[in-house]
Amino acid sequence: MKLVMVLALIVLASSLGVVYTKHQSRKLFVELDILKKERDEMNVEWGRLQLEQSTLATHGRIERAAKKRLGMVTPEYEQTLIVKP
């Protein structure tokens, strides 16, 4: 009789462990899914930022900004000095 009670307690403890483990597994799976969605959103944002950076850093845009904002001009050939090492 004692053996049956001990085995019943072991089975009960084992079943509670299975239920707890399954619950934790589902909770972690939901968290993983949320993190994957965040990662995907961040990858999309990263792509947008790279595209924006490449647009803002084009040679023509920088040259126009230098001429307009800073009053810079392209030097004439006579004003150019080539330095050789």
C-alpha atoms as a PDB file:
ATOM      1  CA  MET A   1       0.000   0.000   0.000  1.00  0.00           C
ATOM      2  CA  LYS A   2       2.825   2.412   0.830  1.00  0.00           C
ATOM      3  CA  LEU A   3       4.484   1.568  -2.459  1.00  0.00           C
ATOM      4  CA  VAL A   4       1.298   2.484  -4.342  1.00  0.00           C
ATOM      5  CA  MET A   5       1.084   5.827  -2.481  1.00  0.00           C
ATOM      6  CA  VAL A   6       4.737   6.599  -3.236  1.00  0.00           C
ATOM      7  CA  LEU A   7       4.263   5.702  -6.898  1.00  0.00           C
ATOM      8  CA  ALA A   8       1.089   7.813  -7.047  1.00  0.00           C
ATOM      9  CA  LEU A   9       2.967  10.802  -5.600  1.00  0.00           C
ATOM     10  CA  ILE A  10       5.791  10.291  -8.080  1.00  0.00           C
ATOM     11  CA  VAL A  11       3.298  10.147 -10.966  1.00  0.00           C
ATOM     12  CA  LEU A  12       1.542  13.273  -9.653  1.00  0.00           C
ATOM     13  CA  ALA A  13       4.844  15.145  -9.303  1.00  0.00           C
ATOM     14  CA  SER A  14       5.893  14.007 -12.762  1.00  0.00           C
ATOM     15  CA  SER A  15       2.614  15.153 -14.314  1.00  0.00           C
ATOM     16  CA  LEU A  16       2.901  18.550 -12.601  1.00  0.00           C
ATOM     17  CA  GLY A  17       6.432  18.830 -13.959  1.00  0.00           C
ATOM     18  CA  VAL A  18       5.201  18.065 -17.468  1.00  0.00           C
ATOM     19  CA  VAL A  19       2.436  20.686 -17.185  1.00  0.00           C
ATOM     20  CA  TYR A  20       4.877  23.302 -15.863  1.00  0.00           C
ATOM     21  CA  THR A  21       7.433  22.525 -18.564  1.00  0.00           C
ATOM     22  CA  LYS A  22       4.781  22.730 -21.293  1.00  0.00           C
ATOM     23  CA  HIS A  23       3.575  26.080 -19.928  1.00  0.00           C
ATOM     24  CA  GLN A  24       7.125  27.461 -19.880  1.00  0.00           C
ATOM     25  CA  SER A  25       7.709  26.170 -23.390  1.00  0.00           C
ATOM     26  CA  ARG A  26       4.603  27.943 -24.706  1.00  0.00           C
ATOM     27  CA  LYS A  27       5.518  31.146 -22.887  1.00  0.00           C
ATOM     28  CA  LEU A  28       9.023  31.118 -24.347  1.00  0.00           C
ATOM     29  CA  PHE A  29       7.673  30.336 -27.819  1.00  0.00           C
ATOM     30  CA  VAL A  30       5.383  33.381 -27.657  1.00  0.00           C
ATOM     31  CA  GLU A  31       8.328  35.522 -26.508  1.00  0.00           C
ATOM     32  CA  LEU A  32      10.463  34.162 -29.345  1.00  0.00           C
ATOM     33  CA  ASP A  33       7.733  35.025 -31.850  1.00  0.00           C
ATOM     34  CA  ILE A  34       7.535  38.582 -30.504  1.00  0.00           C
ATOM     35  CA  LEU A  35      11.320  38.960 -30.711  1.00  0.00           C
ATOM     36  CA  LYS A  36      11.349  37.667 -34.301  1.00  0.00           C
ATOM     37  CA  LYS A  37       8.737  40.259 -35.272  1.00  0.00           C
ATOM     38  CA  GLU A  38      10.825  42.978 -33.594  1.00  0.00           C
ATOM     39  CA  ARG A  39      13.909  41.768 -35.462  1.00  0.00           C
ATOM     40  CA  ASP A  40      12.054  41.876 -38.772  1.00  0.00           C
ATOM     41  CA  GLU A  41      10.780  45.404 -38.075  1.00  0.00           C
ATOM     42  CA  MET A  42      14.301  46.527 -37.183  1.00  0.00           C
ATOM     43  CA  ASN A  43      15.680  44.987 -40.378  1.00  0.00           C
ATOM     44  CA  VAL A  44      13.105  46.920 -42.399  1.00  0.00           C
ATOM     45  CA  GLU A  45      13.993  50.137 -40.569  1.00  0.00           C
ATOM     46  CA  TRP A  46      17.723  49.450 -41.122  1.00  0.00           C
ATOM     47  CA  GLY A  47      17.083  49.070 -44.839  1.00  0.00           C
ATOM     48  CA  ARG A  48      15.193  52.374 -44.905  1.00  0.00           C
ATOM     49  CA  LEU A  49      18.006  54.130 -43.051  1.00  0.00           C
ATOM     50  CA  GLN A  50      20.643  52.736 -45.425  1.00  0.00           C
ATOM     51  CA  LEU A  51      18.594  53.913 -48.408  1.00  0.00           C
ATOM     52  CA  GLU A  52      18.166  57.356 -46.840  1.00  0.00           C
ATOM     53  CA  GLN A  53      21.899  57.573 -46.117  1.00  0.00           C
ATOM     54  CA  SER A  54      22.834  56.625 -49.655  1.00  0.00           C
ATOM     55  CA  THR A  55      20.400  59.229 -50.975  1.00  0.00           C
ATOM     56  CA  LEU A  56      21.751  61.965 -48.717  1.00  0.00           C
ATOM     57  CA  ALA A  57      25.386  61.121 -49.474  1.00  0.00           C
ATOM     58  CA  THR A  58      25.241  61.298 -53.265  1.00  0.00           C
ATOM     59  CA  HIS A  59      28.019  63.334 -54.853  1.00  0.00           C
ATOM     60  CA  GLY A  60      25.669  65.717 -56.646  1.00  0.00           C
ATOM     61  CA  ARG A  61      23.681  66.514 -53.533  1.00  0.00           C
ATOM     62  CA  ILE A  62      26.801  67.213 -51.492  1.00  0.00           C
ATOM     63  CA  GLU A  63      28.182  69.425 -54.250  1.00  0.00           C
ATOM     64  CA  ARG A  64      24.937  71.412 -54.492  1.00  0.00           C
ATOM     65  CA  ALA A  65      24.846  71.857 -50.712  1.00  0.00           C
ATOM     66  CA  ALA A  66      28.492  73.019 -50.669  1.00  0.00           C
ATOM     67  CA  LYS A  67      27.810  75.599 -53.376  1.00  0.00           C
ATOM     68  CA  LYS A  68      24.524  76.817 -51.914  1.00  0.00           C
ATOM     69  CA  ARG A  69      25.190  76.811 -48.170  1.00  0.00           C
ATOM     70  CA  LEU A  70      28.929  77.423 -48.046  1.00  0.00           C
ATOM     71  CA  GLY A  71      29.408  79.423 -51.219  1.00  0.00           C
ATOM     72  CA  MET A  72      32.064  76.999 -52.439  1.00  0.00           C
ATOM     73  CA  VAL A  73      33.084  76.922 -56.094  1.00  0.00           C
ATOM     74  CA  THR A  74      35.077  74.534 -58.205  1.00  0.00           C
ATOM     75  CA  PRO A  75      38.605  75.950 -58.647  1.00  0.00           C
ATOM     76  CA  GLU A  76      39.819  76.851 -62.114  1.00  0.00           C
ATOM     77  CA  TYR A  77      42.645  74.855 -63.668  1.00  0.00           C
ATOM     78  CA  GLU A  78      45.128  77.684 -63.042  1.00  0.00           C
ATOM     79  CA  GLN A  79      44.265  77.647 -59.337  1.00  0.00           C
ATOM     80  CA  THR A  80      44.949  73.941 -59.020  1.00  0.00           C
ATOM     81  CA  LEU A  81      48.323  72.807 -57.706  1.00  0.00           C
ATOM     82  CA  ILE A  82      49.407  69.179 -58.080  1.00  0.00           C
ATOM     83  CA  VAL A  83      51.776  67.990 -55.387  1.00  0.00           C
ATOM     84  CA  LYS A  84      53.920  64.960 -56.147  1.00  0.00           C
ATOM     85  CA  PRO A  85      55.441  62.850 -53.376  1.00  0.00           C
END
